Amino acid sequence: MTTRPWIIASSAILVLGATVFWFTRDEPTGSQALPAKLQCELPPSSADAPKPGMVWIPEGVFDMGDSVYPEEKPVRNVRVKGFWMDRTEVTNAEFAAFVKATGYVTVAERPVNPQLMANLPEDMRKPGAVVFKVPAQLTHGDDPRQWWQYIPGANWKQPAGPNSSIDKFGQFPVVHITYEDAQAYARWKGHRLPTEAEWEWAARAGAKALPGQHDQHDQPTSANTWQGIFPMANASEDGFAGLAPVGCYAPNAYGLFDMVGNVWELTADVFVADRPAVSNSQGLDPDEAQRPPIFKTLQPNLQPKTRVIKGGSFLCAPNYCMRYRAGSRQPQEDDLAVSHLGFRTIYQP
């Protein structure tokens, strides 16, 4: 059995204020509210296409990287071969079909190793996840524990905990998925996860050069991101306060939906970066704002690898996380199940 990490993390679907979750089992009343849409219409995928539900990404050469955050540098010229890529993030319905066919149990659902977690509170020794919740107020500065909470029982089927469900959310991206889980799904499909270069080339959709400095800092108008001041106020100008169904925004020039925003996406690459420390004068590290706090550090030989994740999520806001760009990147622990993180697969002939 794979060793669980020092935390299991997730980011629940949020609304403004003290908040409840979209995935609740009860019908929405009063403070509960379903999102604006439960499904968005996708263009039909031709049954005659060699890989239905996927689009062809041609071979190309491009400037990979960016210059907004240190870990995005240096920009270098990269060549990638052609491949097929899922046109949307893998959905709850698609992942449920995989689980039904294989009996697979995700990392966030498996028992926690009690020896590794012996010094944690009892609740944190149960299978579960760390859930994002909009804080009513900030009383401890930029401490991320004010908006991340450990919820026993949170997993891909119950994104906000035991009283939540994905029953009405089959067309939403599956979340609480670790690298191991994504790899298992990809193998079942006969696919694999994209490398960072493949993912970024697909997201650029043929744009070989780095965007201009002004364009790099612009928040996209057609993507699911955070409009307002994170983590207190989301104006939801893009139509969603939390996750959106796949395909609600215009595709890029290659026909790929949600390559920026909605959920971060896993790649196959191990994260390597010589990143300088953030000085106190710069405020909260944008990475740490988006990720749950460290509850426990394992011994060095037990630390999981970190993978490159791409594209940003619905939590990315100009004040903390300008990672709604093709060249953005962030590390993600292999064993960390997070509900603002999903994935898509590729197939290379």
Protein backbone atom coordinates (compact mmCIF):
# COMPACT_ATOMS: atom_id res chain seq x y z
CA MET A 1 0.00 0.00 0.00
CA THR A 2 1.29 3.44 -0.85
CA THR A 3 2.28 5.51 2.16
CA ARG A 4 0.01 8.45 2.72
CA PRO A 5 1.68 11.90 2.85
CA TRP A 6 1.82 14.30 5.77
CA ILE A 7 -1.49 15.75 4.66
CA ILE A 8 -4.31 14.95 2.30
CA ALA A 9 -5.59 18.09 0.69
CA SER A 10 -8.61 19.33 -1.16
CA SER A 11 -10.32 22.53 -2.14
CA ALA A 12 -14.09 22.42 -1.84
CA ILE A 13 -16.48 24.26 -4.10
CA LEU A 14 -17.01 27.60 -2.45
CA VAL A 15 -19.47 30.45 -2.34
CA LEU A 16 -19.11 33.88 -0.79
CA GLY A 17 -19.37 34.48 2.93
CA ALA A 18 -19.39 31.87 5.68
CA THR A 19 -20.09 29.36 2.89
CA VAL A 20 -21.65 26.00 2.21
CA PHE A 21 -20.70 23.65 -0.57
CA TRP A 22 -22.28 22.93 -3.93
CA PHE A 23 -21.78 19.21 -3.46
CA THR A 24 -24.16 18.91 -0.47
CA ARG A 25 -26.66 16.04 -0.54
CA ASP A 26 -29.55 18.25 0.56
CA GLU A 27 -31.49 20.32 -1.95
CA PRO A 28 -30.24 23.90 -1.99
CA THR A 29 -32.16 26.18 0.37
CA GLY A 30 -31.32 29.50 1.96
CA SER A 31 -27.55 29.67 2.18
CA GLN A 32 -27.04 26.70 -0.13
CA ALA A 33 -26.78 27.34 -3.84
CA LEU A 34 -26.06 25.25 -6.89
CA PRO A 35 -23.69 26.75 -9.46
CA ALA A 36 -25.07 28.61 -12.44
CA LYS A 37 -24.73 25.51 -14.64
CA LEU A 38 -24.31 21.80 -13.98
CA GLN A 39 -23.26 21.09 -17.56
CA CYS A 40 -22.01 23.05 -20.56
CA GLU A 41 -22.60 21.94 -24.13
CA LEU A 42 -19.50 20.78 -25.95
CA PRO A 43 -19.21 20.66 -29.74
CA PRO A 44 -19.93 17.11 -30.94
CA SER A 45 -16.92 14.85 -31.23
CA SER A 46 -16.98 12.95 -34.51
CA ALA A 47 -17.49 9.23 -34.08
CA ASP A 48 -15.15 8.79 -37.06
CA ALA A 49 -12.31 10.64 -35.34
CA PRO A 50 -9.29 8.42 -34.58
CA LYS A 51 -9.53 9.36 -30.89
CA PRO A 52 -13.04 10.62 -29.97
CA GLY A 53 -13.00 13.20 -27.20
CA MET A 54 -9.40 14.12 -28.01
CA VAL A 55 -7.81 16.68 -30.34
CA TRP A 56 -4.60 16.45 -32.34
CA ILE A 57 -1.71 18.65 -31.18
CA PRO A 58 0.83 19.04 -33.99
CA GLU A 59 4.59 18.90 -33.62
CA GLY A 60 6.18 22.24 -32.88
CA VAL A 61 9.02 24.34 -31.50
CA PHE A 62 8.33 27.10 -28.97
CA ASP A 63 9.72 29.25 -26.16
CA MET A 64 8.86 27.29 -23.01
CA GLY A 65 8.61 29.06 -19.64
CA ASP A 66 7.76 32.56 -18.48
CA SER A 67 9.15 35.36 -16.31
CA VAL A 68 6.40 36.31 -13.85
CA TYR A 69 7.60 34.03 -11.03
CA PRO A 70 11.14 32.76 -10.44
CA GLU A 71 10.34 29.06 -10.87
CA GLU A 72 9.12 29.75 -14.44
CA LYS A 73 12.61 30.78 -15.60
CA PRO A 74 14.66 30.37 -17.70
CA VAL A 75 12.73 30.55 -20.96
CA ARG A 76 14.21 27.99 -23.36
CA ASN A 77 13.47 26.78 -26.88
CA VAL A 78 11.80 23.34 -26.90
CA ARG A 79 10.59 20.92 -29.59
CA VAL A 80 7.69 18.52 -29.01
CA LYS A 81 6.32 15.74 -31.19
CA GLY A 82 2.64 15.55 -32.10
CA PHE A 83 0.09 13.82 -29.85
CA TRP A 84 -3.61 13.48 -29.07
CA MET A 85 -4.90 15.25 -25.94
CA ASP A 86 -8.19 15.09 -24.04
CA ARG A 87 -10.11 18.18 -25.04
CA THR A 88 -11.39 18.62 -21.47
CA GLU A 89 -10.22 17.78 -18.00
CA VAL A 90 -11.20 14.25 -16.93
CA THR A 91 -14.69 14.48 -15.42
CA ASN A 92 -16.33 12.87 -12.42
CA ALA A 93 -18.41 10.72 -14.78
CA GLU A 94 -15.32 9.51 -16.66
CA PHE A 95 -13.42 8.72 -13.48
CA ALA A 96 -16.47 6.94 -12.03
CA ALA A 97 -16.53 4.68 -15.11
CA PHE A 98 -12.88 3.80 -14.46
CA VAL A 99 -13.57 3.00 -10.79
CA LYS A 100 -16.62 0.90 -11.69
CA ALA A 101 -14.63 -1.10 -14.25
CA THR A 102 -11.54 -1.66 -12.08
CA GLY A 103 -12.56 -1.30 -8.42
CA TYR A 104 -9.77 1.23 -7.98
CA VAL A 105 -9.52 3.01 -4.60
CA THR A 106 -7.93 6.46 -4.62
CA VAL A 107 -5.14 7.50 -2.28
CA ALA A 108 -7.44 9.85 -0.31
CA GLU A 109 -9.80 6.94 0.45
CA ARG A 110 -7.14 4.56 1.80
CA PRO A 111 -6.33 4.06 5.49
CA VAL A 112 -3.64 6.33 6.89
CA ASN A 113 -0.46 4.76 8.27
CA PRO A 114 -0.98 5.27 12.06
CA GLN A 115 2.76 5.20 12.81
CA LEU A 116 3.42 8.14 10.53
CA MET A 117 0.47 10.09 11.90
CA ALA A 118 0.76 9.20 15.60
CA ASN A 119 1.52 12.76 16.73
CA LEU A 120 -1.46 14.30 14.91
CA PRO A 121 -4.99 14.84 16.28
CA GLU A 122 -7.31 11.84 15.87
CA ASP A 123 -9.29 13.38 13.00
CA MET A 124 -6.11 13.84 10.96
CA ARG A 125 -5.35 10.12 11.33
CA LYS A 126 -8.48 9.26 9.36
CA PRO A 127 -8.76 9.20 5.55
CA GLY A 128 -9.82 12.62 4.41
CA ALA A 129 -8.70 15.87 2.85
CA VAL A 130 -7.92 19.50 3.54
CA VAL A 131 -10.81 21.62 2.29
CA PHE A 132 -10.74 25.25 1.22
CA LYS A 133 -13.28 27.52 2.90
CA VAL A 134 -13.69 31.26 2.56
CA PRO A 135 -12.80 32.70 5.99
CA ALA A 136 -15.33 35.01 7.65
CA GLN A 137 -12.39 37.18 8.71
CA LEU A 138 -8.61 36.99 8.86
CA THR A 139 -7.40 37.03 12.44
CA HIS A 140 -3.94 35.49 12.01
CA GLY A 141 -2.38 37.51 9.22
CA ASP A 142 -1.60 35.39 6.16
CA ASP A 143 -1.71 32.03 7.95
CA PRO A 144 -3.27 29.68 5.33
CA ARG A 145 -4.80 27.52 8.07
CA GLN A 146 -7.52 30.15 8.20
CA TRP A 147 -8.87 28.92 4.85
CA TRP A 148 -7.75 25.27 4.69
CA GLN A 149 -9.50 22.73 6.96
CA TYR A 150 -8.92 19.00 7.32
CA ILE A 151 -12.18 17.10 6.72
CA PRO A 152 -12.21 13.32 7.41
CA GLY A 153 -14.06 11.51 4.63
CA ALA A 154 -13.37 14.05 1.88
CA ASN A 155 -12.39 12.37 -1.40
CA TRP A 156 -13.26 12.43 -5.11
CA LYS A 157 -16.79 11.11 -4.44
CA GLN A 158 -17.34 13.40 -1.44
CA PRO A 159 -15.35 16.56 -2.27
CA ALA A 160 -16.48 18.52 0.80
CA GLY A 161 -16.68 15.58 3.22
CA PRO A 162 -19.20 12.88 4.23
CA ASN A 163 -22.27 15.08 3.68
CA SER A 164 -21.32 15.90 0.09
CA SER A 165 -21.77 14.12 -3.22
CA ILE A 166 -20.96 14.36 -6.93
CA ASP A 167 -24.37 12.96 -7.92
CA LYS A 168 -25.34 16.10 -9.87
CA PHE A 169 -21.82 16.96 -10.95
CA GLY A 170 -20.80 14.31 -13.46
CA GLN A 171 -19.55 16.93 -15.94
CA PHE A 172 -17.33 18.70 -13.42
CA PRO A 173 -13.59 17.93 -13.38
CA VAL A 174 -12.71 15.13 -11.00
CA VAL A 175 -10.61 16.37 -8.08
CA HIS A 176 -8.86 14.88 -5.02
CA ILE A 177 -6.75 12.93 -7.50
CA THR A 178 -3.09 12.19 -6.78
CA TYR A 179 -0.35 11.40 -9.27
CA GLU A 180 -0.81 7.66 -8.59
CA ASP A 181 -4.56 7.94 -9.21
CA ALA A 182 -4.10 9.85 -12.47
CA GLN A 183 -1.50 7.38 -13.68
CA ALA A 184 -3.86 4.46 -12.98
CA TYR A 185 -6.67 6.10 -14.96
CA ALA A 186 -4.35 6.94 -17.86
CA ARG A 187 -3.04 3.36 -18.08
CA TRP A 188 -6.62 2.04 -18.08
CA LYS A 189 -7.36 4.26 -21.08
CA GLY A 190 -4.16 3.26 -22.85
CA HIS A 191 -2.95 6.85 -22.47
CA ARG A 192 -0.40 8.68 -20.32
CA LEU A 193 0.00 12.00 -18.54
CA PRO A 194 1.54 14.83 -20.59
CA THR A 195 5.02 16.10 -19.90
CA GLU A 196 5.30 19.73 -18.87
CA ALA A 197 6.55 20.68 -22.35
CA GLU A 198 3.69 18.83 -24.06
CA TRP A 199 1.10 20.43 -21.79
CA GLU A 200 2.51 23.93 -22.27
CA TRP A 201 2.78 23.60 -26.05
CA ALA A 202 -0.86 22.45 -26.19
CA ALA A 203 -1.94 25.36 -23.96
CA ARG A 204 -0.10 27.88 -26.16
CA ALA A 205 -2.04 26.53 -29.16
CA GLY A 206 0.58 27.39 -31.74
CA ALA A 207 1.90 30.60 -30.17
CA LYS A 208 5.64 29.96 -30.35
CA ALA A 209 6.91 33.12 -28.63
CA LEU A 210 6.43 34.27 -25.06
CA PRO A 211 3.51 36.75 -24.67
CA GLY A 212 4.32 40.43 -24.22
CA GLN A 213 4.90 41.74 -20.70
CA HIS A 214 1.46 43.39 -20.56
CA ASP A 215 -0.32 40.25 -21.72
CA GLN A 216 1.46 38.11 -19.12
CA HIS A 217 -0.17 40.00 -16.25
CA ASP A 218 -3.68 40.26 -17.67
CA GLN A 219 -6.28 38.10 -15.96
CA PRO A 220 -8.11 36.07 -18.63
CA THR A 221 -11.68 37.13 -19.37
CA SER A 222 -12.75 33.68 -20.62
CA ALA A 223 -11.58 31.30 -17.91
CA ASN A 224 -12.62 30.25 -14.41
CA THR A 225 -10.39 32.25 -12.04
CA TRP A 226 -10.86 34.36 -8.89
CA GLN A 227 -12.10 37.92 -9.49
CA GLY A 228 -11.46 39.92 -6.34
CA ILE A 229 -9.20 39.72 -3.30
CA PHE A 230 -8.20 36.16 -2.39
CA PRO A 231 -9.23 34.56 -0.03
CA MET A 232 -12.01 36.86 1.23
CA ALA A 233 -14.10 37.97 -1.76
CA ASN A 234 -14.79 36.41 -5.15
CA ALA A 235 -16.94 38.61 -7.40
CA SER A 236 -17.66 35.60 -9.68
CA GLU A 237 -17.61 37.78 -12.77
CA ASP A 238 -16.75 34.68 -14.84
CA GLY A 239 -20.05 33.04 -13.81
CA PHE A 240 -18.73 30.65 -11.14
CA ALA A 241 -17.63 31.09 -7.53
CA GLY A 242 -16.01 27.64 -7.44
CA LEU A 243 -15.43 24.87 -9.93
CA ALA A 244 -17.19 25.02 -13.29
CA PRO A 245 -18.31 22.13 -15.48
CA VAL A 246 -15.82 21.33 -18.22
CA GLY A 247 -16.16 23.24 -21.46
CA CYS A 248 -17.97 26.36 -20.22
CA TYR A 249 -15.44 28.74 -21.76
CA ALA A 250 -14.22 29.12 -25.33
CA PRO A 251 -11.58 26.58 -26.40
CA ASN A 252 -8.11 27.60 -27.50
CA ALA A 253 -7.02 27.47 -31.14
CA TYR A 254 -6.35 23.72 -30.89
CA GLY A 255 -9.85 23.01 -29.52
CA LEU A 256 -8.78 22.42 -25.89
CA PHE A 257 -11.05 23.64 -23.09
CA ASP A 258 -10.01 25.02 -19.68
CA MET A 259 -6.27 24.83 -20.21
CA VAL A 260 -6.13 27.91 -17.99
CA GLY A 261 -8.16 28.17 -14.78
CA ASN A 262 -10.82 25.86 -13.29
CA VAL A 263 -8.39 23.25 -11.88
CA TRP A 264 -4.63 22.85 -11.89
CA GLU A 265 -3.55 19.91 -14.05
CA LEU A 266 -0.99 17.22 -13.28
CA THR A 267 1.93 16.47 -15.57
CA ALA A 268 4.35 13.54 -15.55
CA ASP A 269 7.42 15.69 -14.84
CA VAL A 270 9.17 15.78 -11.47
CA PHE A 271 9.38 19.39 -10.25
CA VAL A 272 12.91 20.77 -10.14
CA ALA A 273 13.60 24.40 -9.33
CA ASP A 274 16.21 26.46 -7.52
CA ARG A 275 13.71 28.90 -6.12
CA PRO A 276 14.87 31.82 -3.91
CA ALA A 277 13.16 32.43 -0.60
CA VAL A 278 10.42 35.05 -0.46
CA SER A 279 11.30 37.95 1.80
CA ASN A 280 8.86 39.09 4.48
CA SER A 281 8.44 42.41 2.70
CA GLN A 282 6.85 40.63 -0.26
CA GLY A 283 3.96 39.21 1.77
CA LEU A 284 2.57 35.72 1.44
CA ASP A 285 4.21 33.37 -1.03
CA PRO A 286 1.61 32.80 -3.80
CA ASP A 287 2.35 29.06 -3.78
CA GLU A 288 1.66 28.78 -0.07
CA ALA A 289 -1.56 30.78 -0.38
CA GLN A 290 -2.93 28.19 -2.77
CA ARG A 291 -1.69 25.10 -0.95
CA PRO A 292 -2.72 23.73 2.47
CA PRO A 293 -0.35 24.34 5.40
CA ILE A 294 2.19 21.73 6.48
CA PHE A 295 0.80 19.76 9.42
CA LYS A 296 3.61 17.23 9.66
CA THR A 297 6.95 16.70 7.95
CA LEU A 298 7.98 13.11 7.28
CA GLN A 299 11.52 11.81 7.46
CA PRO A 300 13.53 12.84 4.37
CA ASN A 301 13.51 9.31 2.91
CA LEU A 302 9.70 9.24 3.15
CA GLN A 303 9.03 12.59 1.50
CA PRO A 304 7.03 12.14 -1.69
CA LYS A 305 8.27 13.51 -4.99
CA THR A 306 6.67 16.64 -6.36
CA ARG A 307 5.27 16.91 -9.88
CA VAL A 308 4.82 19.95 -12.07
CA ILE A 309 1.22 21.15 -12.24
CA LYS A 310 0.06 23.64 -14.85
CA GLY A 311 -2.60 26.17 -15.72
CA GLY A 312 -3.79 27.62 -12.41
CA SER A 313 -7.27 27.15 -10.93
CA PHE A 314 -10.43 28.94 -9.89
CA LEU A 315 -8.47 30.11 -6.82
CA CYS A 316 -5.92 32.10 -8.85
CA ALA A 317 -6.30 35.85 -8.30
CA PRO A 318 -4.11 38.82 -9.26
CA ASN A 319 -3.20 39.52 -5.61
CA TYR A 320 -1.82 36.04 -4.90
CA CYS A 321 -1.56 33.74 -7.90
CA MET A 322 -1.09 35.08 -11.41
CA ARG A 323 -0.73 31.53 -12.70
CA TYR A 324 -3.53 31.66 -15.23
CA ARG A 325 -0.91 31.41 -18.01
CA ALA A 326 0.45 28.61 -20.18
CA GLY A 327 3.98 29.16 -18.84
CA SER A 328 3.03 29.08 -15.15
CA ARG A 329 4.00 26.11 -13.02
CA GLN A 330 3.86 24.95 -9.43
CA PRO A 331 5.04 21.90 -7.45
CA GLN A 332 2.54 19.34 -6.17
CA GLU A 333 3.34 16.39 -3.89
CA ASP A 334 2.75 13.02 -5.56
CA ASP A 335 0.52 11.80 -2.72
CA LEU A 336 -1.35 15.06 -2.16
CA ALA A 337 -5.05 14.92 -3.11
CA VAL A 338 -6.28 18.47 -3.67
CA SER A 339 -9.68 19.58 -4.88
CA HIS A 340 -8.43 22.42 -7.05
CA LEU A 341 -6.28 19.90 -8.94
CA GLY A 342 -7.37 17.68 -11.85
CA PHE A 343 -5.78 16.20 -14.93
CA ARG A 344 -6.15 15.25 -18.57
CA THR A 345 -4.39 12.56 -20.58
CA ILE A 346 -2.62 12.28 -23.92
CA TYR A 347 -2.11 9.54 -26.48
CA GLN A 348 0.99 9.48 -28.68
CA PRO A 349 0.94 7.12 -31.67
